[in-house]
C-alpha atoms as a PDB file:
ATOM      1  CA  MET A   1     112.450  74.166  88.382  1.00  0.00           C
ATOM      2  CA  LYS A   2     115.712  73.448  89.998  1.00  0.00           C
ATOM      3  CA  ILE A   3     118.994  74.817  88.773  1.00  0.00           C
ATOM      4  CA  LYS A   4     121.366  71.777  88.443  1.00  0.00           C
ATOM      5  CA  THR A   5     124.164  73.140  86.434  1.00  0.00           C
ATOM      6  CA  ALA A   6     125.345  76.650  85.814  1.00  0.00           C
ATOM      7  CA  GLU A   7     128.245  77.220  83.559  1.00  0.00           C
ATOM      8  CA  PHE A   8     130.055  80.495  82.647  1.00  0.00           C
ATOM      9  CA  ILE A   9     130.284  80.847  78.840  1.00  0.00           C
ATOM     10  CA  ILE A  10     131.387  84.295  77.976  1.00  0.00           C
ATOM     11  CA  SER A  11     131.838  87.934  78.865  1.00  0.00           C
ATOM     12  CA  ASN A  12     131.780  90.650  76.257  1.00  0.00           C
ATOM     13  CA  THR A  13     130.431  94.049  75.135  1.00  0.00           C
ATOM     14  CA  LYS A  14     129.291  93.213  71.507  1.00  0.00           C
ATOM     15  CA  ILE A  15     125.951  91.542  70.752  1.00  0.00           C
ATOM     16  CA  GLU A  16     127.430  89.683  67.927  1.00  0.00           C
ATOM     17  CA  LEU A  17     129.971  87.901  70.273  1.00  0.00           C
ATOM     18  CA  CYS A  18     127.069  86.556  72.424  1.00  0.00           C
ATOM     19  CA  PRO A  19     126.369  82.927  72.183  1.00  0.00           C
ATOM     20  CA  GLU A  20     124.215  81.640  69.293  1.00  0.00           C
ATOM     21  CA  PRO A  21     120.516  82.590  70.011  1.00  0.00           C
ATOM     22  CA  THR A  22     119.132  79.213  69.991  1.00  0.00           C
ATOM     23  CA  LEU A  23     118.271  78.950  73.635  1.00  0.00           C
ATOM     24  CA  PRO A  24     115.915  80.964  75.738  1.00  0.00           C
ATOM     25  CA  GLU A  25     117.656  83.843  77.663  1.00  0.00           C
ATOM     26  CA  TYR A  26     116.709  85.723  80.719  1.00  0.00           C
ATOM     27  CA  ALA A  27     118.594  88.818  81.810  1.00  0.00           C
ATOM     28  CA  PHE A  28     119.015  90.572  85.109  1.00  0.00           C
ATOM     29  CA  ILE A  29     119.539  94.197  85.432  1.00  0.00           C
ATOM     30  CA  GLY A  30     119.282  97.027  87.902  1.00  0.00           C
ATOM     31  CA  ARG A  31     120.893 100.099  89.506  1.00  0.00           C
ATOM     32  CA  SER A  32     124.418  99.748  90.788  1.00  0.00           C
ATOM     33  CA  ASN A  33     124.667  97.865  94.164  1.00  0.00           C
ATOM     34  CA  VAL A  34     120.957  96.651  94.116  1.00  0.00           C
ATOM     35  CA  GLY A  35     122.220  93.045  94.917  1.00  0.00           C
ATOM     36  CA  LYS A  36     122.149  91.553  91.540  1.00  0.00           C
ATOM     37  CA  SER A  37     125.217  89.210  91.902  1.00  0.00           C
ATOM     38  CA  SER A  38     123.931  88.032  95.160  1.00  0.00           C
ATOM     39  CA  LEU A  39     120.615  87.138  93.722  1.00  0.00           C
ATOM     40  CA  ILE A  40     122.198  85.397  90.803  1.00  0.00           C
ATOM     41  CA  ASN A  41     124.303  83.317  93.141  1.00  0.00           C
ATOM     42  CA  TYR A  42     121.492  82.501  95.360  1.00  0.00           C
ATOM     43  CA  LEU A  43     119.215  81.429  92.350  1.00  0.00           C
ATOM     44  CA  THR A  44     122.044  79.196  90.954  1.00  0.00           C
ATOM     45  CA  ASN A  45     123.209  77.917  94.502  1.00  0.00           C
ATOM     46  CA  ASN A  46     126.710  78.917  93.550  1.00  0.00           C
ATOM     47  CA  LYS A  47     128.338  81.681  95.740  1.00  0.00           C
ATOM     48  CA  LYS A  48     131.001  82.141  93.269  1.00  0.00           C
ATOM     49  CA  LEU A  49     129.216  82.216  89.942  1.00  0.00           C
ATOM     50  CA  SER A  50     128.652  86.028  89.875  1.00  0.00           C
ATOM     51  CA  LYS A  51     131.291  88.352  91.421  1.00  0.00           C
ATOM     52  CA  ILE A  52     130.054  90.402  94.406  1.00  0.00           C
ATOM     53  CA  SER A  53     131.542  93.644  95.215  1.00  0.00           C
ATOM     54  CA  GLN A  54     130.942  96.463  97.682  1.00  0.00           C
ATOM     55  CA  THR A  55     131.860  98.753  94.968  1.00  0.00           C
ATOM     56  CA  PRO A  56     129.002  99.909  92.600  1.00  0.00           C
ATOM     57  CA  GLY A  57     129.504  99.232  88.959  1.00  0.00           C
ATOM     58  CA  LYS A  58     131.563  96.210  89.332  1.00  0.00           C
ATOM     59  CA  THR A  59     129.794  94.205  86.515  1.00  0.00           C
ATOM     60  CA  GLN A  60     131.069  95.888  83.263  1.00  0.00           C
ATOM     61  CA  LEU A  61     130.191  93.260  80.771  1.00  0.00           C
ATOM     62  CA  ILE A  62     127.515  91.169  79.443  1.00  0.00           C
ATOM     63  CA  ASN A  63     128.012  87.828  81.278  1.00  0.00           C
ATOM     64  CA  HIS A  64     126.324  84.705  79.848  1.00  0.00           C
ATOM     65  CA  PHE A  65     125.643  81.581  82.028  1.00  0.00           C
ATOM     66  CA  LEU A  66     124.355  78.388  80.634  1.00  0.00           C
ATOM     67  CA  ILE A  67     121.652  76.874  82.911  1.00  0.00           C
ATOM     68  CA  ASN A  68     120.852  73.178  82.972  1.00  0.00           C
ATOM     69  CA  ASP A  69     122.074  72.985  79.359  1.00  0.00           C
ATOM     70  CA  ALA A  70     118.797  74.539  78.434  1.00  0.00           C
ATOM     71  CA  TRP A  71     118.629  78.266  78.820  1.00  0.00           C
ATOM     72  CA  TYR A  72     120.906  81.263  79.407  1.00  0.00           C
ATOM     73  CA  LEU A  73     120.951  83.443  82.528  1.00  0.00           C
ATOM     74  CA  VAL A  74     122.554  86.900  81.505  1.00  0.00           C
ATOM     75  CA  ASP A  75     124.143  89.272  84.082  1.00  0.00           C
ATOM     76  CA  LEU A  76     124.066  92.885  82.775  1.00  0.00           C
ATOM     77  CA  PRO A  77     125.950  95.907  84.049  1.00  0.00           C
ATOM     78  CA  GLY A  78     124.020  98.035  86.510  1.00  0.00           C
ATOM     79  CA  TYR A  79     122.668 101.387  85.337  1.00  0.00           C
ATOM     80  CA  GLY A  80     122.833 104.647  87.206  1.00  0.00           C
ATOM     81  CA  TYR A  81     125.488 105.415  89.814  1.00  0.00           C
ATOM     82  CA  ALA A  82     128.965 103.671  89.343  1.00  0.00           C
ATOM     83  CA  LYS A  83     132.442 104.589  90.275  1.00  0.00           C
ATOM     84  CA  THR A  84     133.645 104.770  86.729  1.00  0.00           C
ATOM     85  CA  SER A  85     134.088 107.512  84.065  1.00  0.00           C
ATOM     86  CA  GLN A  86     131.219 109.261  82.098  1.00  0.00           C
ATOM     87  CA  LYS A  87     132.859 107.746  79.052  1.00  0.00           C
ATOM     88  CA  ASN A  88     132.477 104.168  80.357  1.00  0.00           C
ATOM     89  CA  ARG A  89     128.966 104.848  81.549  1.00  0.00           C
ATOM     90  CA  LEU A  90     128.008 106.084  78.028  1.00  0.00           C
ATOM     91  CA  LYS A  91     129.714 102.906  76.435  1.00  0.00           C
ATOM     92  CA  TRP A  92     127.788 100.653  78.800  1.00  0.00           C
ATOM     93  CA  GLN A  93     124.573 102.475  77.931  1.00  0.00           C
ATOM     94  CA  GLY A  94     125.117 101.757  74.378  1.00  0.00           C
ATOM     95  CA  PHE A  95     125.876  98.091  74.541  1.00  0.00           C
ATOM     96  CA  ILE A  96     123.157  97.347  77.026  1.00  0.00           C
ATOM     97  CA  SER A  97     120.488  98.886  75.025  1.00  0.00           C
ATOM     98  CA  ASP A  98     121.929  97.133  71.980  1.00  0.00           C
ATOM     99  CA  TYR A  99     121.714  93.762  73.774  1.00  0.00           C
ATOM    100  CA  ILE A 100     118.093  94.487  75.157  1.00  0.00           C
ATOM    101  CA  LEU A 101     116.692  95.810  71.808  1.00  0.00           C
ATOM    102  CA  GLN A 102     118.394  93.370  69.462  1.00  0.00           C
ATOM    103  CA  ARG A 103     118.848  89.953  71.304  1.00  0.00           C
ATOM    104  CA  GLU A 104     116.059  87.838  69.623  1.00  0.00           C
ATOM    105  CA  ASN A 105     116.060  85.033  72.197  1.00  0.00           C
ATOM    106  CA  LEU A 106     115.764  87.455  75.205  1.00  0.00           C
ATOM    107  CA  LEU A 107     112.373  86.290  76.684  1.00  0.00           C
ATOM    108  CA  ASN A 108     112.256  88.406  79.786  1.00  0.00           C
ATOM    109  CA  LEU A 109     114.296  91.035  81.559  1.00  0.00           C
ATOM    110  CA  PHE A 110     114.393  90.996  85.427  1.00  0.00           C
ATOM    111  CA  VAL A 111     114.577  94.480  86.725  1.00  0.00           C
ATOM    112  CA  LEU A 112     116.046  94.706  90.210  1.00  0.00           C
ATOM    113  CA  ILE A 113     114.696  97.259  92.681  1.00  0.00           C
ATOM    114  CA  ASP A 114     116.022  97.740  96.193  1.00  0.00           C
ATOM    115  CA  SER A 115     112.937  97.292  98.363  1.00  0.00           C
ATOM    116  CA  ARG A 116     114.219  99.563 101.075  1.00  0.00           C
ATOM    117  CA  LEU A 117     114.216 102.558  98.971  1.00  0.00           C
ATOM    118  CA  PRO A 118     111.172 104.865  97.864  1.00  0.00           C
ATOM    119  CA  PRO A 119     110.543 104.658  93.933  1.00  0.00           C
ATOM    120  CA  GLN A 120     113.653 106.042  92.071  1.00  0.00           C
ATOM    121  CA  GLN A 121     113.005 108.026  88.960  1.00  0.00           C
ATOM    122  CA  ILE A 122     115.786 106.195  87.187  1.00  0.00           C
ATOM    123  CA  ASP A 123     114.017 102.985  87.683  1.00  0.00           C
ATOM    124  CA  ILE A 124     110.642 104.279  86.451  1.00  0.00           C
ATOM    125  CA  ASP A 125     112.252 105.849  83.439  1.00  0.00           C
ATOM    126  CA  PHE A 126     113.979 102.688  82.593  1.00  0.00           C
ATOM    127  CA  MET A 127     110.984 100.493  82.982  1.00  0.00           C
ATOM    128  CA  GLU A 128     108.966 102.955  80.914  1.00  0.00           C
ATOM    129  CA  TRP A 129     111.595 102.797  78.188  1.00  0.00           C
ATOM    130  CA  LEU A 130     111.137  99.019  78.147  1.00  0.00           C
ATOM    131  CA  GLY A 131     107.405  99.355  77.862  1.00  0.00           C
ATOM    132  CA  GLU A 132     107.871 101.670  74.899  1.00  0.00           C
ATOM    133  CA  LYS A 133     110.074  99.229  73.292  1.00  0.00           C
ATOM    134  CA  GLN A 134     107.765  96.433  74.181  1.00  0.00           C
ATOM    135  CA  ILE A 135     110.380  94.409  76.145  1.00  0.00           C
ATOM    136  CA  PRO A 136     108.868  91.817  78.308  1.00  0.00           C
ATOM    137  CA  PHE A 137     110.010  92.426  81.960  1.00  0.00           C
ATOM    138  CA  ALA A 138     109.159  91.602  85.528  1.00  0.00           C
ATOM    139  CA  ILE A 139     110.313  93.648  88.685  1.00  0.00           C
ATOM    140  CA  VAL A 140     112.399  91.784  91.490  1.00  0.00           C
ATOM    141  CA  PHE A 141     112.385  93.582  94.827  1.00  0.00           C
ATOM    142  CA  THR A 142     115.702  92.831  96.558  1.00  0.00           C
ATOM    143  CA  LYS A 143     117.022  92.802 100.157  1.00  0.00           C
ATOM    144  CA  ILE A 144     113.504  92.420 101.784  1.00  0.00           C
ATOM    145  CA  ASP A 145     115.143  90.810 104.819  1.00  0.00           C
ATOM    146  CA  LYS A 146     116.363  94.311 105.691  1.00  0.00           C
ATOM    147  CA  LEU A 147     112.774  95.639 106.397  1.00  0.00           C
ATOM    148  CA  ASN A 148     109.975  94.429 108.779  1.00  0.00           C
ATOM    149  CA  SER A 149     106.822  93.230 107.250  1.00  0.00           C
ATOM    150  CA  SER A 150     104.836  96.460 108.027  1.00  0.00           C
ATOM    151  CA  ASN A 151     107.560  98.735 106.313  1.00  0.00           C
ATOM    152  CA  LEU A 152     108.036  96.264 103.342  1.00  0.00           C
ATOM    153  CA  ASN A 153     104.248  96.234 102.742  1.00  0.00           C
ATOM    154  CA  LYS A 154     104.178 100.105 103.067  1.00  0.00           C
ATOM    155  CA  ASN A 155     107.130 100.260 100.408  1.00  0.00           C
ATOM    156  CA  MET A 156     105.264  97.891  98.026  1.00  0.00           C
ATOM    157  CA  ILE A 157     101.986  99.874  98.174  1.00  0.00           C
ATOM    158  CA  HIS A 158     103.969 103.009  97.523  1.00  0.00           C
ATOM    159  CA  TYR A 159     105.757 101.503  94.661  1.00  0.00           C
ATOM    160  CA  LYS A 160     102.563 100.023  93.085  1.00  0.00           C
ATOM    161  CA  LYS A 161     100.805 103.352  93.324  1.00  0.00           C
ATOM    162  CA  GLU A 162     103.663 105.075  91.575  1.00  0.00           C
ATOM    163  CA  MET A 163     103.968 102.391  88.808  1.00  0.00           C
ATOM    164  CA  LEU A 164     100.166 102.756  88.219  1.00  0.00           C
ATOM    165  CA  LYS A 165     100.713 106.328  87.217  1.00  0.00           C
ATOM    166  CA  TYR A 166     102.459 105.008  84.103  1.00  0.00           C
ATOM    167  CA  TRP A 167     101.094 101.495  83.637  1.00  0.00           C
ATOM    168  CA  GLU A 168      97.501 100.222  83.455  1.00  0.00           C
ATOM    169  CA  VAL A 169      98.562  97.086  85.405  1.00  0.00           C
ATOM    170  CA  MET A 170     101.527  96.143  87.267  1.00  0.00           C
ATOM    171  CA  PRO A 171     104.256  94.010  85.499  1.00  0.00           C
ATOM    172  CA  PRO A 172     104.969  90.706  87.308  1.00  0.00           C
ATOM    173  CA  SER A 173     106.874  91.193  90.435  1.00  0.00           C
ATOM    174  CA  PHE A 174     108.784  89.095  92.990  1.00  0.00           C
ATOM    175  CA  SER A 175     110.099  89.865  96.522  1.00  0.00           C
ATOM    176  CA  THR A 176     113.472  88.408  97.281  1.00  0.00           C
ATOM    177  CA  SER A 177     116.188  88.195  99.765  1.00  0.00           C
ATOM    178  CA  ALA A 178     119.526  86.514  98.711  1.00  0.00           C
ATOM    179  CA  GLU A 179     120.776  86.495 102.276  1.00  0.00           C
ATOM    180  CA  SER A 180     117.660  84.843 103.582  1.00  0.00           C
ATOM    181  CA  LYS A 181     117.052  82.846 100.609  1.00  0.00           C
ATOM    182  CA  ILE A 182     113.547  83.952  99.834  1.00  0.00           C
ATOM    183  CA  GLY A 183     111.741  84.382  96.620  1.00  0.00           C
ATOM    184  CA  GLY A 184     114.016  82.514  94.306  1.00  0.00           C
ATOM    185  CA  GLU A 185     111.590  79.746  93.611  1.00  0.00           C
ATOM    186  CA  GLY A 186     108.969  82.082  92.320  1.00  0.00           C
ATOM    187  CA  ILE A 187     111.518  83.451  89.787  1.00  0.00           C
ATOM    188  CA  LEU A 188     112.676  79.955  88.701  1.00  0.00           C
ATOM    189  CA  LYS A 189     108.999  78.808  88.407  1.00  0.00           C
ATOM    190  CA  TYR A 190     108.250  81.853  86.176  1.00  0.00           C
ATOM    191  CA  ILE A 191     111.214  81.203  83.933  1.00  0.00           C
ATOM    192  CA  GLY A 192     110.006  77.519  83.796  1.00  0.00           C
ATOM    193  CA  GLU A 193     106.575  78.490  82.779  1.00  0.00           C
ATOM    194  CA  ILE A 194     107.877  80.665  79.988  1.00  0.00           C
ATOM    195  CA  ASN A 195     110.170  77.890  78.682  1.00  0.00           C
ATOM    196  CA  GLU A 196     107.285  75.660  78.558  1.00  0.00           C
ATOM    197  CA  THR A 197     105.472  77.889  76.109  1.00  0.00           C
ATOM    198  CA  MET A 198     108.453  77.870  73.687  1.00  0.00           C
END
Protein backbone atom coordinates (compact mmCIF):
# COMPACT_ATOMS: atom_id res chain seq x y z
CA MET A 1 0.00 0.00 0.00
CA LYS A 2 1.13 3.52 -0.81
CA ILE A 3 0.07 6.59 1.12
CA LYS A 4 -1.06 9.14 -1.45
CA THR A 5 -2.80 11.64 0.84
CA ALA A 6 -2.42 12.39 4.55
CA GLU A 7 -4.60 15.11 5.99
CA PHE A 8 -4.58 16.41 9.58
CA ILE A 9 -8.14 16.24 10.96
CA ILE A 10 -8.21 17.04 14.69
CA SER A 11 -6.26 17.10 17.98
CA ASN A 12 -8.00 16.60 21.31
CA THR A 13 -7.98 14.87 24.68
CA LYS A 14 -11.56 13.56 24.66
CA ILE A 15 -12.64 10.39 22.92
CA GLU A 16 -16.07 11.87 22.20
CA LEU A 17 -14.39 14.58 20.10
CA CYS A 18 -12.57 12.08 17.89
CA PRO A 19 -13.86 11.67 14.30
CA GLU A 20 -16.93 9.49 13.79
CA PRO A 21 -15.73 5.86 14.14
CA THR A 22 -16.69 4.91 10.59
CA LEU A 23 -13.19 4.19 9.21
CA PRO A 24 -10.44 1.77 10.31
CA GLU A 25 -7.99 3.35 12.75
CA TYR A 26 -4.35 2.57 13.59
CA ALA A 27 -2.60 4.29 16.49
CA PHE A 28 1.11 4.75 17.22
CA ILE A 29 2.42 4.98 20.77
CA GLY A 30 5.72 4.57 22.61
CA ARG A 31 7.90 5.99 25.32
CA SER A 32 8.80 9.64 24.95
CA ASN A 33 11.52 10.29 22.36
CA VAL A 34 11.29 6.85 20.74
CA GLY A 35 11.09 8.39 17.26
CA LYS A 36 7.32 8.26 16.79
CA SER A 37 6.90 11.54 14.89
CA SER A 38 9.83 10.71 12.62
CA LEU A 39 8.32 7.30 11.81
CA ILE A 40 4.89 8.80 11.06
CA ASN A 41 6.45 11.40 8.75
CA TYR A 42 8.45 8.67 7.00
CA LEU A 43 5.37 6.44 6.53
CA THR A 44 3.33 9.32 5.09
CA ASN A 45 6.26 10.78 3.13
CA ASN A 46 5.50 14.15 4.71
CA LYS A 47 8.26 15.70 6.83
CA LYS A 48 5.90 18.23 8.38
CA LEU A 49 2.90 16.05 9.21
CA SER A 50 3.87 15.17 12.78
CA LYS A 51 5.92 17.65 14.81
CA ILE A 52 9.38 16.39 15.73
CA SER A 53 11.05 17.61 18.90
CA GLN A 54 14.23 16.91 20.80
CA THR A 55 12.18 17.46 23.96
CA PRO A 56 10.53 14.24 25.22
CA GLY A 57 6.78 14.54 25.67
CA LYS A 58 6.11 16.99 22.85
CA THR A 59 2.99 15.16 21.64
CA GLN A 60 0.34 15.90 24.26
CA LEU A 61 -2.87 15.27 22.33
CA ILE A 62 -4.62 12.55 20.34
CA ASN A 63 -3.85 13.55 16.74
CA HIS A 64 -5.94 12.14 13.89
CA PHE A 65 -4.71 12.05 10.29
CA LEU A 66 -6.93 10.85 7.45
CA ILE A 67 -4.96 8.58 5.11
CA ASN A 68 -5.99 8.04 1.47
CA ASP A 69 -9.53 9.08 2.49
CA ALA A 70 -9.82 5.49 3.74
CA TRP A 71 -8.39 5.11 7.26
CA TYR A 72 -7.04 7.08 10.21
CA LEU A 73 -3.49 7.16 11.48
CA VAL A 74 -3.47 8.31 15.11
CA ASP A 75 -0.48 9.85 16.87
CA LEU A 76 -0.78 9.30 20.63
CA PRO A 77 1.27 10.99 23.40
CA GLY A 78 4.29 9.05 24.57
CA TYR A 79 4.22 7.31 27.92
CA GLY A 80 6.96 7.31 30.53
CA TYR A 81 9.47 10.13 30.89
CA ALA A 82 8.36 13.53 29.66
CA LYS A 83 9.32 17.06 30.66
CA THR A 84 5.94 17.92 32.10
CA SER A 85 4.20 17.89 35.45
CA GLN A 86 3.00 14.79 37.28
CA LYS A 87 -0.53 16.20 36.96
CA ASN A 88 -0.20 16.35 33.16
CA ARG A 89 1.24 12.83 33.00
CA LEU A 90 -1.72 11.47 34.99
CA LYS A 91 -4.14 13.36 32.74
CA TRP A 92 -2.50 11.90 29.62
CA GLN A 93 -2.57 8.44 31.12
CA GLY A 94 -6.32 8.85 31.64
CA PHE A 95 -7.28 9.98 28.15
CA ILE A 96 -4.81 7.63 26.43
CA SER A 97 -6.27 4.59 28.22
CA ASP A 98 -9.82 5.85 27.52
CA TYR A 99 -8.96 6.07 23.83
CA ILE A 100 -7.28 2.63 23.68
CA LEU A 101 -10.05 0.86 25.58
CA GLN A 102 -13.11 2.63 24.14
CA ARG A 103 -12.28 3.48 20.52
CA GLU A 104 -14.36 0.88 18.69
CA ASN A 105 -12.71 1.32 15.28
CA LEU A 106 -9.13 1.01 16.59
CA LEU A 107 -7.92 -2.08 14.76
CA ASN A 108 -4.27 -2.13 15.84
CA LEU A 109 -1.93 -0.29 18.15
CA PHE A 110 1.71 0.01 17.06
CA VAL A 111 3.96 0.07 20.12
CA LEU A 112 7.29 1.70 19.31
CA ILE A 113 10.45 0.40 20.98
CA ASP A 114 13.96 1.90 20.71
CA SER A 115 16.03 -0.95 19.23
CA ARG A 116 19.20 0.37 20.88
CA LEU A 117 17.99 -0.24 24.43
CA PRO A 118 17.64 -3.41 26.50
CA PRO A 119 14.02 -4.34 27.30
CA GLN A 120 12.48 -1.61 29.46
CA GLN A 121 10.04 -2.67 32.16
CA ILE A 122 7.66 0.19 31.33
CA ASP A 123 7.28 -1.17 27.77
CA ILE A 124 6.85 -4.76 28.97
CA ASP A 125 4.22 -3.66 31.51
CA PHE A 126 2.36 -1.61 28.91
CA MET A 127 2.21 -4.50 26.44
CA GLU A 128 1.12 -6.88 29.19
CA TRP A 129 -1.72 -4.45 29.99
CA LEU A 130 -2.70 -4.44 26.29
CA GLY A 131 -2.76 -8.23 26.36
CA GLU A 132 -4.95 -8.30 29.46
CA LYS A 133 -7.37 -5.88 27.80
CA GLN A 134 -7.24 -7.87 24.52
CA ILE A 135 -6.08 -4.89 22.46
CA PRO A 136 -4.46 -6.01 19.17
CA PHE A 137 -0.96 -4.60 18.86
CA ALA A 138 2.32 -4.95 16.98
CA ILE A 139 5.84 -3.95 18.03
CA VAL A 140 7.81 -1.48 15.94
CA PHE A 141 11.53 -1.38 16.68
CA THR A 142 12.86 2.07 15.77
CA LYS A 143 16.28 3.57 14.99
CA ILE A 144 17.80 0.34 13.70
CA ASP A 145 20.25 2.39 11.61
CA LYS A 146 22.03 3.31 14.86
CA LEU A 147 23.22 -0.29 15.36
CA ASN A 148 25.35 -2.65 13.31
CA SER A 149 23.61 -5.86 12.22
CA SER A 150 25.35 -7.99 14.89
CA ASN A 151 24.27 -5.77 17.79
CA LEU A 152 20.79 -5.35 16.33
CA ASN A 153 20.38 -9.12 16.05
CA LYS A 154 21.66 -9.55 19.61
CA ASN A 155 19.15 -6.98 20.89
CA MET A 156 16.27 -8.59 18.97
CA ILE A 157 17.09 -12.02 20.42
CA HIS A 158 17.29 -10.51 23.91
CA TYR A 159 13.94 -8.76 23.45
CA LYS A 160 12.24 -11.89 22.14
CA LYS A 161 13.56 -13.89 25.08
CA GLU A 162 12.19 -11.29 27.51
CA MET A 163 8.80 -11.11 25.77
CA LEU A 164 8.40 -14.89 25.78
CA LYS A 165 8.51 -14.79 29.59
CA TYR A 166 5.09 -13.14 29.37
CA TRP A 167 3.73 -14.28 25.99
CA GLU A 168 3.29 -17.69 24.41
CA VAL A 169 4.12 -16.24 21.01
CA MET A 170 5.64 -12.94 19.95
CA PRO A 171 3.25 -10.26 18.67
CA PRO A 172 3.89 -9.16 15.06
CA SER A 173 7.02 -7.00 14.92
CA PHE A 174 8.70 -4.64 12.47
CA SER A 175 12.23 -3.21 12.38
CA THR A 176 12.42 0.36 11.13
CA SER A 177 14.58 3.40 10.57
CA ALA A 178 12.91 6.68 9.65
CA GLU A 179 16.29 8.20 8.83
CA SER A 180 17.33 5.39 6.47
CA LYS A 181 13.76 4.75 5.28
CA ILE A 182 13.71 1.09 6.29
CA GLY A 183 10.71 -1.02 7.29
CA GLY A 184 7.84 1.30 6.42
CA GLU A 185 6.59 -0.90 3.59
CA GLY A 186 6.07 -3.79 6.01
CA ILE A 187 3.94 -1.68 8.36
CA LEU A 188 1.81 -0.31 5.50
CA LYS A 189 1.38 -3.79 4.02
CA TYR A 190 0.23 -5.05 7.43
CA ILE A 191 -2.31 -2.20 7.69
CA GLY A 192 -3.48 -2.91 4.14
CA GLU A 193 -4.01 -6.60 4.92
CA ILE A 194 -6.10 -5.77 8.01
CA ASN A 195 -8.15 -3.26 6.01
CA GLU A 196 -8.88 -5.91 3.39
CA THR A 197 -10.49 -8.13 6.03
CA MET A 198 -12.93 -5.39 7.04
